């Protein structure tokens, strides 16, 4: 919990162990600096791509082309049960892969 203001006054910040007063002059050194840790990394971008596919591409394909199951030889009802299950499997496999790879 913090009390922030732009008037240049000292503010109080909760550090977890207690409250600490922070001088606005000290914040200027940290503001605007970006670390390499701010990037998502390879696993983060793979996860973003899988989420986009799972939440936009597959449902969009089902919505825009509901006859796709007939074109690939599946019954409509079976396909409408299986097609939403595929993104769930993809998300689960990606989550396990992300944990296995770790922060390399």
PDB file of N, CA and C in Angstrom:
ATOM      1  N   UNK A   1       0.848  -1.160   0.000  1.00  0.00           N
ATOM      2  CA  UNK A   1       0.000   0.000   0.000  1.00  0.00           C
ATOM      3  C   UNK A   1       0.894   1.223   0.000  1.00  0.00           C
ATOM      4  N   UNK A   2       0.671   2.128  -0.883  1.00  0.00           N
ATOM      5  CA  UNK A   2       1.521   3.306  -0.911  1.00  0.00           C
ATOM      6  C   UNK A   2       0.674   4.553  -1.088  1.00  0.00           C
ATOM      7  N   UNK A   3       1.232   5.625  -0.620  1.00  0.00           N
ATOM      8  CA  UNK A   3       0.588   6.916  -0.792  1.00  0.00           C
ATOM      9  C   UNK A   3       1.476   7.715  -1.723  1.00  0.00           C
ATOM     10  N   UNK A   4       1.063   7.844  -2.976  1.00  0.00           N
ATOM     11  CA  UNK A   4       1.889   8.529  -3.963  1.00  0.00           C
ATOM     12  C   UNK A   4       1.270   9.870  -4.308  1.00  0.00           C
ATOM     13  N   UNK A   5       2.132  10.838  -4.507  1.00  0.00           N
ATOM     14  CA  UNK A   5       1.650  12.135  -4.944  1.00  0.00           C
ATOM     15  C   UNK A   5       2.701  12.758  -5.849  1.00  0.00           C
ATOM     16  N   UNK A   6       2.278  13.703  -6.665  1.00  0.00           N
ATOM     17  CA  UNK A   6       3.166  14.352  -7.617  1.00  0.00           C
ATOM     18  C   UNK A   6       3.635  15.716  -7.120  1.00  0.00           C
ATOM     19  N   UNK A   7       3.383  16.028  -5.868  1.00  0.00           N
ATOM     20  CA  UNK A   7       3.720  17.355  -5.372  1.00  0.00           C
ATOM     21  C   UNK A   7       5.165  17.460  -4.916  1.00  0.00           C
ATOM     22  N   UNK A   8       5.937  16.370  -4.991  1.00  0.00           N
ATOM     23  CA  UNK A   8       7.331  16.414  -4.582  1.00  0.00           C
ATOM     24  C   UNK A   8       7.532  16.142  -3.111  1.00  0.00           C
ATOM     25  N   UNK A   9       6.482  15.805  -2.402  1.00  0.00           N
ATOM     26  CA  UNK A   9       6.605  15.522  -0.980  1.00  0.00           C
ATOM     27  C   UNK A   9       7.071  14.090  -0.766  1.00  0.00           C
ATOM     28  N   UNK A  10       7.610  13.834   0.400  1.00  0.00           N
ATOM     29  CA  UNK A  10       8.016  12.490   0.761  1.00  0.00           C
ATOM     30  C   UNK A  10       6.788  11.611   0.879  1.00  0.00           C
ATOM     31  N   UNK A  11       6.881  10.388   0.374  1.00  0.00           N
ATOM     32  CA  UNK A  11       5.743   9.474   0.446  1.00  0.00           C
ATOM     33  C   UNK A  11       6.107   8.263   1.291  1.00  0.00           C
ATOM     34  N   UNK A  12       5.092   7.577   1.768  1.00  0.00           N
ATOM     35  CA  UNK A  12       5.264   6.402   2.613  1.00  0.00           C
ATOM     36  C   UNK A  12       4.896   5.172   1.786  1.00  0.00           C
ATOM     37  N   UNK A  13       5.791   4.172   1.792  1.00  0.00           N
ATOM     38  CA  UNK A  13       5.600   2.967   0.995  1.00  0.00           C
ATOM     39  C   UNK A  13       5.642   1.754   1.915  1.00  0.00           C
ATOM     40  N   UNK A  14       4.722   0.810   1.704  1.00  0.00           N
ATOM     41  CA  UNK A  14       4.711  -0.432   2.458  1.00  0.00           C
ATOM     42  C   UNK A  14       5.722  -1.380   1.826  1.00  0.00           C
ATOM     43  N   UNK A  15       6.761  -1.764   2.566  1.00  0.00           N
ATOM     44  CA  UNK A  15       7.806  -2.637   2.039  1.00  0.00           C
ATOM     45  C   UNK A  15       7.570  -4.094   2.378  1.00  0.00           C
ATOM     46  N   UNK A  16       6.509  -4.407   3.050  1.00  0.00           N
ATOM     47  CA  UNK A  16       6.231  -5.776   3.464  1.00  0.00           C
ATOM     48  C   UNK A  16       6.640  -6.008   4.908  1.00  0.00           C
ATOM     49  N   UNK A  17       7.780  -5.442   5.311  1.00  0.00           N
ATOM     50  CA  UNK A  17       8.228  -5.557   6.700  1.00  0.00           C
ATOM     51  C   UNK A  17       7.755  -4.382   7.536  1.00  0.00           C
ATOM     52  N   UNK A  18       7.276  -3.388   6.882  1.00  0.00           N
ATOM     53  CA  UNK A  18       6.829  -2.185   7.573  1.00  0.00           C
ATOM     54  C   UNK A  18       6.697  -1.059   6.569  1.00  0.00           C
ATOM     55  N   UNK A  19       6.565   0.128   7.070  1.00  0.00           N
ATOM     56  CA  UNK A  19       6.428   1.282   6.199  1.00  0.00           C
ATOM     57  C   UNK A  19       7.748   2.038   6.158  1.00  0.00           C
ATOM     58  N   UNK A  20       8.043   2.586   4.989  1.00  0.00           N
ATOM     59  CA  UNK A  20       9.309   3.287   4.791  1.00  0.00           C
ATOM     60  C   UNK A  20       9.040   4.596   4.062  1.00  0.00           C
ATOM     61  N   UNK A  21       9.717   5.641   4.490  1.00  0.00           N
ATOM     62  CA  UNK A  21       9.573   6.928   3.803  1.00  0.00           C
ATOM     63  C   UNK A  21      10.534   6.958   2.616  1.00  0.00           C
ATOM     64  N   UNK A  22      10.009   7.419   1.464  1.00  0.00           N
ATOM     65  CA  UNK A  22      10.812   7.476   0.245  1.00  0.00           C
ATOM     66  C   UNK A  22      10.888   8.916  -0.222  1.00  0.00           C
ATOM     67  N   UNK A  23      12.098   9.372  -0.459  1.00  0.00           N
ATOM     68  CA  UNK A  23      12.321  10.732  -0.941  1.00  0.00           C
ATOM     69  C   UNK A  23      12.094  10.766  -2.451  1.00  0.00           C
ATOM     70  N   UNK A  24      11.352  11.748  -2.972  1.00  0.00           N
ATOM     71  CA  UNK A  24      11.092  11.794  -4.415  1.00  0.00           C
ATOM     72  C   UNK A  24      12.364  11.928  -5.242  1.00  0.00           C
ATOM     73  N   UNK A  25      13.428  12.477  -4.693  1.00  0.00           N
ATOM     74  CA  UNK A  25      14.683  12.616  -5.430  1.00  0.00           C
ATOM     75  C   UNK A  25      15.291  11.237  -5.715  1.00  0.00           C
ATOM     76  N   UNK A  26      15.074  10.278  -4.828  1.00  0.00           N
ATOM     77  CA  UNK A  26      15.602   8.932  -5.034  1.00  0.00           C
ATOM     78  C   UNK A  26      14.844   8.191  -6.126  1.00  0.00           C
ATOM     79  N   UNK A  27      13.551   8.498  -6.307  1.00  0.00           N
ATOM     80  CA  UNK A  27      12.746   7.819  -7.324  1.00  0.00           C
ATOM     81  C   UNK A  27      13.165   8.198  -8.736  1.00  0.00           C
ATOM     82  N   UNK A  28      13.759   9.351  -8.913  1.00  0.00           N
ATOM     83  CA  UNK A  28      14.164   9.792 -10.240  1.00  0.00           C
ATOM     84  C   UNK A  28      15.222   8.899 -10.858  1.00  0.00           C
ATOM     85  N   UNK A  29      16.059   8.296 -10.019  1.00  0.00           N
ATOM     86  CA  UNK A  29      17.101   7.416 -10.535  1.00  0.00           C
ATOM     87  C   UNK A  29      16.513   6.141 -11.110  1.00  0.00           C
ATOM     88  N   UNK A  30      15.433   5.646 -10.515  1.00  0.00           N
ATOM     89  CA  UNK A  30      14.834   4.384 -10.950  1.00  0.00           C
ATOM     90  C   UNK A  30      13.801   4.568 -12.047  1.00  0.00           C
ATOM     91  N   UNK A  31      13.258   5.740 -12.191  1.00  0.00           N
ATOM     92  CA  UNK A  31      12.193   5.953 -13.170  1.00  0.00           C
ATOM     93  C   UNK A  31      12.756   5.930 -14.582  1.00  0.00           C
ATOM     94  N   UNK A  32      12.096   5.213 -15.463  1.00  0.00           N
ATOM     95  CA  UNK A  32      12.479   5.188 -16.864  1.00  0.00           C
ATOM     96  C   UNK A  32      13.559   4.193 -17.212  1.00  0.00           C
ATOM     97  N   UNK A  33      14.084   3.476 -16.242  1.00  0.00           N
ATOM     98  CA  UNK A  33      15.099   2.478 -16.556  1.00  0.00           C
ATOM     99  C   UNK A  33      14.422   1.131 -16.737  1.00  0.00           C
ATOM    100  N   UNK A  34      14.740   0.478 -17.822  1.00  0.00           N
ATOM    101  CA  UNK A  34      14.142  -0.827 -18.131  1.00  0.00           C
ATOM    102  C   UNK A  34      15.233  -1.887 -18.076  1.00  0.00           C
ATOM    103  N   UNK A  35      14.942  -2.962 -17.410  1.00  0.00           N
ATOM    104  CA  UNK A  35      15.879  -4.078 -17.327  1.00  0.00           C
ATOM    105  C   UNK A  35      15.598  -5.076 -18.431  1.00  0.00           C
ATOM    106  N   UNK A  36      16.542  -5.970 -18.639  1.00  0.00           N
ATOM    107  CA  UNK A  36      16.327  -7.050 -19.603  1.00  0.00           C
ATOM    108  C   UNK A  36      15.275  -8.023 -19.073  1.00  0.00           C
ATOM    109  N   UNK A  37      15.012  -8.000 -17.771  1.00  0.00           N
ATOM    110  CA  UNK A  37      14.020  -8.889 -17.173  1.00  0.00           C
ATOM    111  C   UNK A  37      12.596  -8.485 -17.533  1.00  0.00           C
ATOM    112  N   UNK A  38      12.407  -7.299 -18.082  1.00  0.00           N
ATOM    113  CA  UNK A  38      11.074  -6.848 -18.464  1.00  0.00           C
ATOM    114  C   UNK A  38      10.553  -7.575 -19.695  1.00  0.00           C
ATOM    115  N   UNK A  39      11.436  -8.198 -20.478  1.00  0.00           N
ATOM    116  CA  UNK A  39      11.024  -8.932 -21.677  1.00  0.00           C
ATOM    117  C   UNK A  39      10.392 -10.253 -21.266  1.00  0.00           C
ATOM    118  N   UNK A  40       9.433 -10.718 -22.051  1.00  0.00           N
ATOM    119  CA  UNK A  40       8.757 -11.971 -21.739  1.00  0.00           C
ATOM    120  C   UNK A  40       9.643 -13.191 -21.956  1.00  0.00           C
ATOM    121  N   UNK A  41      10.574 -13.102 -22.859  1.00  0.00           N
ATOM    122  CA  UNK A  41      11.419 -14.244 -23.161  1.00  0.00           C
ATOM    123  C   UNK A  41      10.718 -15.187 -24.126  1.00  0.00           C
ATOM    124  N   UNK A  42      11.429 -16.235 -24.499  1.00  0.00           N
ATOM    125  CA  UNK A  42      10.897 -17.171 -25.485  1.00  0.00           C
ATOM    126  C   UNK A  42       9.663 -17.888 -24.963  1.00  0.00           C
ATOM    127  N   UNK A  43       9.703 -18.378 -23.741  1.00  0.00           N
ATOM    128  CA  UNK A  43       8.562 -19.122 -23.201  1.00  0.00           C
ATOM    129  C   UNK A  43       7.347 -18.218 -23.022  1.00  0.00           C
ATOM    130  N   UNK A  44       7.566 -16.978 -22.652  1.00  0.00           N
ATOM    131  CA  UNK A  44       6.452 -16.049 -22.500  1.00  0.00           C
ATOM    132  C   UNK A  44       5.758 -15.764 -23.814  1.00  0.00           C
ATOM    133  N   UNK A  45       6.538 -15.588 -24.872  1.00  0.00           N
ATOM    134  CA  UNK A  45       5.937 -15.319 -26.179  1.00  0.00           C
ATOM    135  C   UNK A  45       5.243 -16.547 -26.740  1.00  0.00           C
ATOM    136  N   UNK A  46       5.781 -17.732 -26.465  1.00  0.00           N
ATOM    137  CA  UNK A  46       5.088 -18.962 -26.889  1.00  0.00           C
ATOM    138  C   UNK A  46       3.748 -19.065 -26.175  1.00  0.00           C
ATOM    139  N   UNK A  47       3.734 -18.760 -24.891  1.00  0.00           N
ATOM    140  CA  UNK A  47       2.487 -18.797 -24.134  1.00  0.00           C
ATOM    141  C   UNK A  47       1.483 -17.769 -24.659  1.00  0.00           C
ATOM    142  N   UNK A  48       1.949 -16.579 -25.017  1.00  0.00           N
ATOM    143  CA  UNK A  48       1.064 -15.566 -25.591  1.00  0.00           C
ATOM    144  C   UNK A  48       0.472 -16.071 -26.908  1.00  0.00           C
ATOM    145  N   UNK A  49       1.302 -16.681 -27.750  1.00  0.00           N
ATOM    146  CA  UNK A  49       0.812 -17.201 -29.034  1.00  0.00           C
ATOM    147  C   UNK A  49      -0.222 -18.298 -28.825  1.00  0.00           C
ATOM    148  N   UNK A  50       0.004 -19.177 -27.862  1.00  0.00           N
ATOM    149  CA  UNK A  50      -0.948 -20.264 -27.602  1.00  0.00           C
ATOM    150  C   UNK A  50      -2.262 -19.704 -27.067  1.00  0.00           C
ATOM    151  N   UNK A  51      -2.194 -18.694 -26.217  1.00  0.00           N
ATOM    152  CA  UNK A  51      -3.415 -18.083 -25.693  1.00  0.00           C
ATOM    153  C   UNK A  51      -4.201 -17.413 -26.823  1.00  0.00           C
ATOM    154  N   UNK A  52      -3.505 -16.747 -27.732  1.00  0.00           N
ATOM    155  CA  UNK A  52      -4.191 -16.122 -28.872  1.00  0.00           C
ATOM    156  C   UNK A  52      -4.863 -17.181 -29.730  1.00  0.00           C
ATOM    157  N   UNK A  53      -4.159 -18.278 -29.991  1.00  0.00           N
ATOM    158  CA  UNK A  53      -4.756 -19.352 -30.789  1.00  0.00           C
ATOM    159  C   UNK A  53      -5.956 -19.950 -30.059  1.00  0.00           C
ATOM    160  N   UNK A  54      -5.799 -20.195 -28.753  1.00  0.00           N
ATOM    161  CA  UNK A  54      -6.857 -20.857 -27.989  1.00  0.00           C
ATOM    162  C   UNK A  54      -8.097 -19.988 -27.810  1.00  0.00           C
ATOM    163  N   UNK A  55      -7.912 -18.685 -27.642  1.00  0.00           N
ATOM    164  CA  UNK A  55      -9.043 -17.827 -27.334  1.00  0.00           C
ATOM    165  C   UNK A  55      -9.572 -17.029 -28.518  1.00  0.00           C
ATOM    166  N   UNK A  56      -8.801 -16.937 -29.609  1.00  0.00           N
ATOM    167  CA  UNK A  56      -9.264 -16.167 -30.762  1.00  0.00           C
ATOM    168  C   UNK A  56      -9.384 -17.003 -32.034  1.00  0.00           C
ATOM    169  N   UNK A  57      -8.362 -17.753 -32.368  1.00  0.00           N
ATOM    170  CA  UNK A  57      -8.338 -18.448 -33.651  1.00  0.00           C
ATOM    171  C   UNK A  57      -9.329 -19.609 -33.681  1.00  0.00           C
ATOM    172  N   UNK A  58      -9.244 -20.515 -32.711  1.00  0.00           N
ATOM    173  CA  UNK A  58     -10.127 -21.687 -32.729  1.00  0.00           C
ATOM    174  C   UNK A  58     -11.597 -21.289 -32.551  1.00  0.00           C
ATOM    175  N   UNK A  59     -11.955 -20.462 -31.566  1.00  0.00           N
ATOM    176  CA  UNK A  59     -13.360 -20.057 -31.486  1.00  0.00           C
ATOM    177  C   UNK A  59     -13.817 -19.258 -32.707  1.00  0.00           C
ATOM    178  N   UNK A  60     -12.917 -18.440 -33.264  1.00  0.00           N
ATOM    179  CA  UNK A  60     -13.270 -17.700 -34.468  1.00  0.00           C
ATOM    180  C   UNK A  60     -13.537 -18.622 -35.642  1.00  0.00           C
ATOM    181  N   UNK A  61     -12.732 -19.668 -35.766  1.00  0.00           N
ATOM    182  CA  UNK A  61     -12.946 -20.638 -36.838  1.00  0.00           C
ATOM    183  C   UNK A  61     -14.267 -21.376 -36.648  1.00  0.00           C
ATOM    184  N   UNK A  62     -14.584 -21.725 -35.418  1.00  0.00           N
ATOM    185  CA  UNK A  62     -15.856 -22.404 -35.142  1.00  0.00           C
ATOM    186  C   UNK A  62     -17.028 -21.481 -35.442  1.00  0.00           C
ATOM    187  N   UNK A  63     -16.872 -20.198 -35.100  1.00  0.00           N
ATOM    188  CA  UNK A  63     -17.956 -19.239 -35.326  1.00  0.00           C
ATOM    189  C   UNK A  63     -18.131 -18.910 -36.810  1.00  0.00           C
ATOM    190  N   UNK A  64     -17.019 -18.673 -37.491  1.00  0.00           N
ATOM    191  CA  UNK A  64     -17.099 -18.247 -38.886  1.00  0.00           C
ATOM    192  C   UNK A  64     -17.369 -19.392 -39.860  1.00  0.00           C
ATOM    193  N   UNK A  65     -16.844 -20.573 -39.557  1.00  0.00           N
ATOM    194  CA  UNK A  65     -17.020 -21.713 -40.458  1.00  0.00           C
ATOM    195  C   UNK A  65     -17.530 -22.923 -39.679  1.00  0.00           C
ATOM    196  N   UNK A  66     -18.778 -22.941 -39.266  1.00  0.00           N
ATOM    197  CA  UNK A  66     -19.292 -24.073 -38.489  1.00  0.00           C
ATOM    198  C   UNK A  66     -19.407 -25.358 -39.311  1.00  0.00           C
ATOM    199  N   UNK A  67     -19.236 -25.272 -40.625  1.00  0.00           N
ATOM    200  CA  UNK A  67     -19.313 -26.474 -41.454  1.00  0.00           C
ATOM    201  C   UNK A  67     -17.959 -27.169 -41.616  1.00  0.00           C
ATOM    202  N   UNK A  68     -16.915 -26.664 -40.990  1.00  0.00           N
ATOM    203  CA  UNK A  68     -15.593 -27.287 -41.092  1.00  0.00           C
ATOM    204  C   UNK A  68     -15.629 -28.755 -40.646  1.00  0.00           C
ATOM    205  N   UNK A  69     -16.326 -29.122 -39.562  1.00  0.00           N
ATOM    206  CA  UNK A  69     -16.329 -30.536 -39.163  1.00  0.00           C
ATOM    207  C   UNK A  69     -16.857 -31.460 -40.262  1.00  0.00           C
ATOM    208  N   UNK A  70     -17.863 -31.044 -41.002  1.00  0.00           N
ATOM    209  CA  UNK A  70     -18.389 -31.869 -42.088  1.00  0.00           C
ATOM    210  C   UNK A  70     -17.368 -32.015 -43.209  1.00  0.00           C
ATOM    211  N   UNK A  71     -16.576 -30.982 -43.430  1.00  0.00           N
ATOM    212  CA  UNK A  71     -15.581 -31.003 -44.499  1.00  0.00           C
ATOM    213  C   UNK A  71     -14.429 -31.957 -44.193  1.00  0.00           C
ATOM    214  N   UNK A  72     -14.124 -32.153 -42.913  1.00  0.00           N
ATOM    215  CA  UNK A  72     -13.013 -33.052 -42.563  1.00  0.00           C
ATOM    216  C   UNK A  72     -13.522 -34.421 -42.120  1.00  0.00           C
ATOM    217  N   UNK A  73     -14.808 -34.665 -42.235  1.00  0.00           N
ATOM    218  CA  UNK A  73     -15.355 -35.996 -41.985  1.00  0.00           C
ATOM    219  C   UNK A  73     -15.830 -36.267 -40.574  1.00  0.00           C
ATOM    220  N   UNK A  74     -15.971 -35.243 -39.745  1.00  0.00           N
ATOM    221  CA  UNK A  74     -16.473 -35.428 -38.384  1.00  0.00           C
ATOM    222  C   UNK A  74     -17.952 -35.065 -38.324  1.00  0.00           C
ATOM    223  N   UNK A  75     -18.656 -35.761 -37.458  1.00  0.00           N
ATOM    224  CA  UNK A  75     -20.040 -35.357 -37.223  1.00  0.00           C
ATOM    225  C   UNK A  75     -20.034 -34.020 -36.499  1.00  0.00           C
ATOM    226  N   UNK A  76     -21.052 -33.226 -36.720  1.00  0.00           N
ATOM    227  CA  UNK A  76     -21.111 -31.874 -36.175  1.00  0.00           C
ATOM    228  C   UNK A  76     -21.057 -31.876 -34.651  1.00  0.00           C
ATOM    229  N   UNK A  77     -21.867 -32.703 -33.994  1.00  0.00           N
ATOM    230  CA  UNK A  77     -21.915 -32.714 -32.538  1.00  0.00           C
ATOM    231  C   UNK A  77     -20.582 -33.147 -31.947  1.00  0.00           C
ATOM    232  N   UNK A  78     -19.969 -34.185 -32.512  1.00  0.00           N
ATOM    233  CA  UNK A  78     -18.674 -34.648 -32.012  1.00  0.00           C
ATOM    234  C   UNK A  78     -17.605 -33.574 -32.202  1.00  0.00           C
ATOM    235  N   UNK A  79     -17.654 -32.902 -33.330  1.00  0.00           N
ATOM    236  CA  UNK A  79     -16.663 -31.867 -33.604  1.00  0.00           C
ATOM    237  C   UNK A  79     -16.822 -30.685 -32.653  1.00  0.00           C
ATOM    238  N   UNK A  80     -18.050 -30.316 -32.338  1.00  0.00           N
ATOM    239  CA  UNK A  80     -18.263 -29.191 -31.431  1.00  0.00           C
ATOM    240  C   UNK A  80     -17.855 -29.534 -29.995  1.00  0.00           C
ATOM    241  N   UNK A  81     -17.733 -30.798 -29.679  1.00  0.00           N
ATOM    242  CA  UNK A  81     -17.207 -31.198 -28.379  1.00  0.00           C
ATOM    243  C   UNK A  81     -15.682 -31.306 -28.399  1.00  0.00           C
ATOM    244  N   UNK A  82     -15.124 -31.744 -29.518  1.00  0.00           N
ATOM    245  CA  UNK A  82     -13.680 -31.962 -29.608  1.00  0.00           C
ATOM    246  C   UNK A  82     -12.929 -30.666 -29.889  1.00  0.00           C
ATOM    247  N   UNK A  83     -13.439 -29.831 -30.773  1.00  0.00           N
ATOM    248  CA  UNK A  83     -12.711 -28.619 -31.156  1.00  0.00           C
ATOM    249  C   UNK A  83     -12.414 -27.687 -29.974  1.00  0.00           C
ATOM    250  N   UNK A  84     -13.316 -27.466 -29.034  1.00  0.00           N
ATOM    251  CA  UNK A  84     -12.940 -26.661 -27.867  1.00  0.00           C
ATOM    252  C   UNK A  84     -11.971 -27.383 -26.920  1.00  0.00           C
ATOM    253  N   UNK A  85     -11.929 -28.706 -27.009  1.00  0.00           N
ATOM    254  CA  UNK A  85     -11.022 -29.462 -26.157  1.00  0.00           C
ATOM    255  C   UNK A  85      -9.575 -29.336 -26.634  1.00  0.00           C
ATOM    256  N   UNK A  86      -9.355 -29.137 -27.913  1.00  0.00           N
ATOM    257  CA  UNK A  86      -7.998 -29.028 -28.455  1.00  0.00           C
ATOM    258  C   UNK A  86      -7.238 -27.818 -27.897  1.00  0.00           C
ATOM    259  N   UNK A  87      -7.846 -26.619 -27.820  1.00  0.00           N
ATOM    260  CA  UNK A  87      -7.121 -25.510 -27.191  1.00  0.00           C
ATOM    261  C   UNK A  87      -6.814 -25.769 -25.718  1.00  0.00           C
ATOM    262  N   UNK A  88      -7.695 -26.471 -25.033  1.00  0.00           N
ATOM    263  CA  UNK A  88      -7.426 -26.785 -23.627  1.00  0.00           C
ATOM    264  C   UNK A  88      -6.200 -27.695 -23.512  1.00  0.00           C
ATOM    265  N   UNK A  89      -6.114 -28.681 -24.369  1.00  0.00           N
ATOM    266  CA  UNK A  89      -4.928 -29.548 -24.379  1.00  0.00           C
ATOM    267  C   UNK A  89      -3.676 -28.757 -24.745  1.00  0.00           C
ATOM    268  N   UNK A  90      -3.793 -27.885 -25.714  1.00  0.00           N
ATOM    269  CA  UNK A  90      -2.660 -27.065 -26.135  1.00  0.00           C
ATOM    270  C   UNK A  90      -2.192 -26.153 -25.006  1.00  0.00           C
ATOM    271  N   UNK A  91      -3.123 -25.524 -24.295  1.00  0.00           N
ATOM    272  CA  UNK A  91      -2.764 -24.673 -23.162  1.00  0.00           C
ATOM    273  C   UNK A  91      -2.114 -25.478 -22.042  1.00  0.00           C
ATOM    274  N   UNK A  92      -2.659 -26.655 -21.753  1.00  0.00           N
ATOM    275  CA  UNK A  92      -2.073 -27.494 -20.715  1.00  0.00           C
ATOM    276  C   UNK A  92      -0.675 -27.958 -21.068  1.00  0.00           C
ATOM    277  N   UNK A  93      -0.485 -28.397 -22.306  1.00  0.00           N
ATOM    278  CA  UNK A  93       0.845 -28.847 -22.733  1.00  0.00           C
ATOM    279  C   UNK A  93       1.847 -27.698 -22.713  1.00  0.00           C
ATOM    280  N   UNK A  94       1.401 -26.509 -23.093  1.00  0.00           N
ATOM    281  CA  UNK A  94       2.293 -25.345 -23.072  1.00  0.00           C
ATOM    282  C   UNK A  94       2.651 -24.959 -21.645  1.00  0.00           C
ATOM    283  N   UNK A  95       1.714 -25.058 -20.734  1.00  0.00           N
ATOM    284  CA  UNK A  95       2.005 -24.743 -19.329  1.00  0.00           C
ATOM    285  C   UNK A  95       3.019 -25.720 -18.750  1.00  0.00           C
ATOM    286  N   UNK A  96       2.871 -26.994 -19.056  1.00  0.00           N
ATOM    287  CA  UNK A  96       3.833 -27.990 -18.568  1.00  0.00           C
ATOM    288  C   UNK A  96       5.196 -27.741 -19.195  1.00  0.00           C
ATOM    289  N   UNK A  97       5.230 -27.444 -20.498  1.00  0.00           N
ATOM    290  CA  UNK A  97       6.500 -27.164 -21.169  1.00  0.00           C
ATOM    291  C   UNK A  97       7.170 -25.934 -20.581  1.00  0.00           C
ATOM    292  N   UNK A  98       6.366 -24.894 -20.278  1.00  0.00           N
ATOM    293  CA  UNK A  98       6.931 -23.669 -19.710  1.00  0.00           C
ATOM    294  C   UNK A  98       7.556 -23.940 -18.346  1.00  0.00           C
ATOM    295  N   UNK A  99       6.901 -24.753 -17.534  1.00  0.00           N
ATOM    296  CA  UNK A  99       7.465 -25.095 -16.232  1.00  0.00           C
ATOM    297  C   UNK A  99       8.703 -25.966 -16.365  1.00  0.00           C
ATOM    298  N   UNK A 100       8.705 -26.854 -17.353  1.00  0.00           N
ATOM    299  CA  UNK A 100       9.862 -27.737 -17.544  1.00  0.00           C
ATOM    300  C   UNK A 100      11.080 -26.962 -18.042  1.00  0.00           C
ATOM    301  N   UNK A 101      10.856 -25.986 -18.919  1.00  0.00           N
ATOM    302  CA  UNK A 101      11.954 -25.206 -19.473  1.00  0.00           C
ATOM    303  C   UNK A 101      12.493 -24.251 -18.411  1.00  0.00           C
ATOM    304  N   UNK A 102      11.605 -23.648 -17.661  1.00  0.00           N
ATOM    305  CA  UNK A 102      12.015 -22.733 -16.598  1.00  0.00           C
ATOM    306  C   UNK A 102      12.532 -21.421 -17.136  1.00  0.00           C
ATOM    307  N   UNK A 103      13.422 -20.792 -16.398  1.00  0.00           N
ATOM    308  CA  UNK A 103      13.982 -19.476 -16.766  1.00  0.00           C
ATOM    309  C   UNK A 103      15.374 -19.651 -17.344  1.00  0.00           C
ATOM    310  N   UNK A 104      15.458 -20.294 -18.464  1.00  0.00           N
ATOM    311  CA  UNK A 104      16.771 -20.509 -19.087  1.00  0.00           C
ATOM    312  C   UNK A 104      17.313 -19.242 -19.659  1.00  0.00           C
TER     313      UNK A 104
END
